[in-house]
């Protein structure tokens, strides 16, 4: 797997998270930053139509180190979904 940017402090991947996380070891990530699709076809477009399933959040938990952080962007219309993830 090719990294997007790498220094001695860490590695940044810019890819589909399903592809990247499959190759990562358990408890190996300090931070996840994601802005998943919101599932309401903003302005009638399809780019955010899909809703991220449970499997991706299981993978996030698998690769995050104990005590690590995940910053997950959401929208007010996703309040119930956001509370379920936490």
C-alpha atoms as a PDB file:
ATOM      1  CA  UNK A   1       0.000   0.000   0.000  1.00  0.00           C
ATOM      2  CA  UNK A   2       1.433   3.346  -1.032  1.00  0.00           C
ATOM      3  CA  UNK A   3       1.365   6.225   1.433  1.00  0.00           C
ATOM      4  CA  UNK A   4       0.266   9.697   0.354  1.00  0.00           C
ATOM      5  CA  UNK A   5       2.694  11.528   2.647  1.00  0.00           C
ATOM      6  CA  UNK A   6       5.159  10.253   5.211  1.00  0.00           C
ATOM      7  CA  UNK A   7       7.518  11.744   7.789  1.00  0.00           C
ATOM      8  CA  UNK A   8       9.219  10.371  10.877  1.00  0.00           C
ATOM      9  CA  UNK A   9       6.125  11.487  12.826  1.00  0.00           C
ATOM     10  CA  UNK A  10       3.644   9.425  10.859  1.00  0.00           C
ATOM     11  CA  UNK A  11       2.029   8.405   7.604  1.00  0.00           C
ATOM     12  CA  UNK A  12      -0.946   9.897   5.771  1.00  0.00           C
ATOM     13  CA  UNK A  13      -3.061   7.736   3.471  1.00  0.00           C
ATOM     14  CA  UNK A  14      -5.442   9.235   0.913  1.00  0.00           C
ATOM     15  CA  UNK A  15      -7.437   6.317  -0.387  1.00  0.00           C
ATOM     16  CA  UNK A  16     -10.678   4.434   0.072  1.00  0.00           C
ATOM     17  CA  UNK A  17     -10.693   3.476   3.744  1.00  0.00           C
ATOM     18  CA  UNK A  18     -11.901  -0.048   2.932  1.00  0.00           C
ATOM     19  CA  UNK A  19      -8.710  -0.614   0.925  1.00  0.00           C
ATOM     20  CA  UNK A  20      -6.350   0.907   3.475  1.00  0.00           C
ATOM     21  CA  UNK A  21      -7.716  -0.496   6.733  1.00  0.00           C
ATOM     22  CA  UNK A  22      -7.736  -4.082   5.460  1.00  0.00           C
ATOM     23  CA  UNK A  23      -3.945  -3.897   5.284  1.00  0.00           C
ATOM     24  CA  UNK A  24      -3.369  -2.278   8.679  1.00  0.00           C
ATOM     25  CA  UNK A  25      -2.513  -4.188  11.833  1.00  0.00           C
ATOM     26  CA  UNK A  26      -4.794  -4.211  14.875  1.00  0.00           C
ATOM     27  CA  UNK A  27      -4.214  -1.319  17.307  1.00  0.00           C
ATOM     28  CA  UNK A  28      -1.828   0.467  14.938  1.00  0.00           C
ATOM     29  CA  UNK A  29      -3.466   3.870  14.307  1.00  0.00           C
ATOM     30  CA  UNK A  30      -3.352   6.984  16.516  1.00  0.00           C
ATOM     31  CA  UNK A  31      -5.965   9.045  14.668  1.00  0.00           C
ATOM     32  CA  UNK A  32      -8.754   8.640  12.133  1.00  0.00           C
ATOM     33  CA  UNK A  33     -10.233  11.743  10.467  1.00  0.00           C
ATOM     34  CA  UNK A  34     -13.231  11.065   8.235  1.00  0.00           C
ATOM     35  CA  UNK A  35     -16.130  12.871   6.614  1.00  0.00           C
ATOM     36  CA  UNK A  36     -18.352   9.985   5.483  1.00  0.00           C
ATOM     37  CA  UNK A  37     -21.328  10.441   3.143  1.00  0.00           C
ATOM     38  CA  UNK A  38     -24.372  11.827   4.952  1.00  0.00           C
ATOM     39  CA  UNK A  39     -26.923   9.779   3.047  1.00  0.00           C
ATOM     40  CA  UNK A  40     -29.294  12.510   1.928  1.00  0.00           C
ATOM     41  CA  UNK A  41     -28.247  13.331  -1.638  1.00  0.00           C
ATOM     42  CA  UNK A  42     -27.280  16.961  -1.054  1.00  0.00           C
ATOM     43  CA  UNK A  43     -28.611  19.180  -3.855  1.00  0.00           C
ATOM     44  CA  UNK A  44     -29.936  16.077  -5.632  1.00  0.00           C
ATOM     45  CA  UNK A  45     -26.432  14.671  -6.206  1.00  0.00           C
ATOM     46  CA  UNK A  46     -25.427  11.038  -5.681  1.00  0.00           C
ATOM     47  CA  UNK A  47     -21.921  11.568  -4.253  1.00  0.00           C
ATOM     48  CA  UNK A  48     -23.220  11.485  -0.667  1.00  0.00           C
ATOM     49  CA  UNK A  49     -26.195   9.169  -1.172  1.00  0.00           C
ATOM     50  CA  UNK A  50     -24.703   6.047   0.417  1.00  0.00           C
ATOM     51  CA  UNK A  51     -24.596   5.632   4.187  1.00  0.00           C
ATOM     52  CA  UNK A  52     -21.552   4.025   5.760  1.00  0.00           C
ATOM     53  CA  UNK A  53     -22.366   0.608   7.226  1.00  0.00           C
ATOM     54  CA  UNK A  54     -21.468  -0.982  10.539  1.00  0.00           C
ATOM     55  CA  UNK A  55     -18.519  -2.912   9.073  1.00  0.00           C
ATOM     56  CA  UNK A  56     -16.452   0.228   8.498  1.00  0.00           C
ATOM     57  CA  UNK A  57     -16.881   1.345  12.112  1.00  0.00           C
ATOM     58  CA  UNK A  58     -15.803  -2.128  13.283  1.00  0.00           C
ATOM     59  CA  UNK A  59     -12.654  -1.745  11.184  1.00  0.00           C
ATOM     60  CA  UNK A  60     -12.020   1.692  12.696  1.00  0.00           C
ATOM     61  CA  UNK A  61     -12.201   0.205  16.185  1.00  0.00           C
ATOM     62  CA  UNK A  62      -9.931  -2.668  15.167  1.00  0.00           C
ATOM     63  CA  UNK A  63      -7.105  -0.476  13.851  1.00  0.00           C
ATOM     64  CA  UNK A  64      -7.274   2.315  16.441  1.00  0.00           C
ATOM     65  CA  UNK A  65      -4.890   2.053  19.374  1.00  0.00           C
ATOM     66  CA  UNK A  66      -6.475   1.996  22.836  1.00  0.00           C
ATOM     67  CA  UNK A  67      -7.141   5.612  23.822  1.00  0.00           C
ATOM     68  CA  UNK A  68      -6.732   6.892  20.238  1.00  0.00           C
ATOM     69  CA  UNK A  69      -9.107   9.370  18.615  1.00  0.00           C
ATOM     70  CA  UNK A  70     -11.494   9.345  15.669  1.00  0.00           C
ATOM     71  CA  UNK A  71     -12.808  12.677  14.388  1.00  0.00           C
ATOM     72  CA  UNK A  72     -15.992  11.936  12.456  1.00  0.00           C
ATOM     73  CA  UNK A  73     -17.708  14.818  10.691  1.00  0.00           C
ATOM     74  CA  UNK A  74     -21.485  14.717  10.563  1.00  0.00           C
ATOM     75  CA  UNK A  75     -24.461  16.954   9.880  1.00  0.00           C
ATOM     76  CA  UNK A  76     -27.340  17.998  12.157  1.00  0.00           C
ATOM     77  CA  UNK A  77     -29.647  15.683  10.216  1.00  0.00           C
ATOM     78  CA  UNK A  78     -27.419  12.783  11.298  1.00  0.00           C
ATOM     79  CA  UNK A  79     -27.727  13.424  15.013  1.00  0.00           C
ATOM     80  CA  UNK A  80     -29.330  10.039  15.766  1.00  0.00           C
ATOM     81  CA  UNK A  81     -26.772   8.177  13.637  1.00  0.00           C
ATOM     82  CA  UNK A  82     -23.902  10.054  15.302  1.00  0.00           C
ATOM     83  CA  UNK A  83     -25.123   9.082  18.760  1.00  0.00           C
ATOM     84  CA  UNK A  84     -25.389   5.430  17.708  1.00  0.00           C
ATOM     85  CA  UNK A  85     -21.744   5.402  16.544  1.00  0.00           C
ATOM     86  CA  UNK A  86     -20.469   6.808  19.825  1.00  0.00           C
END
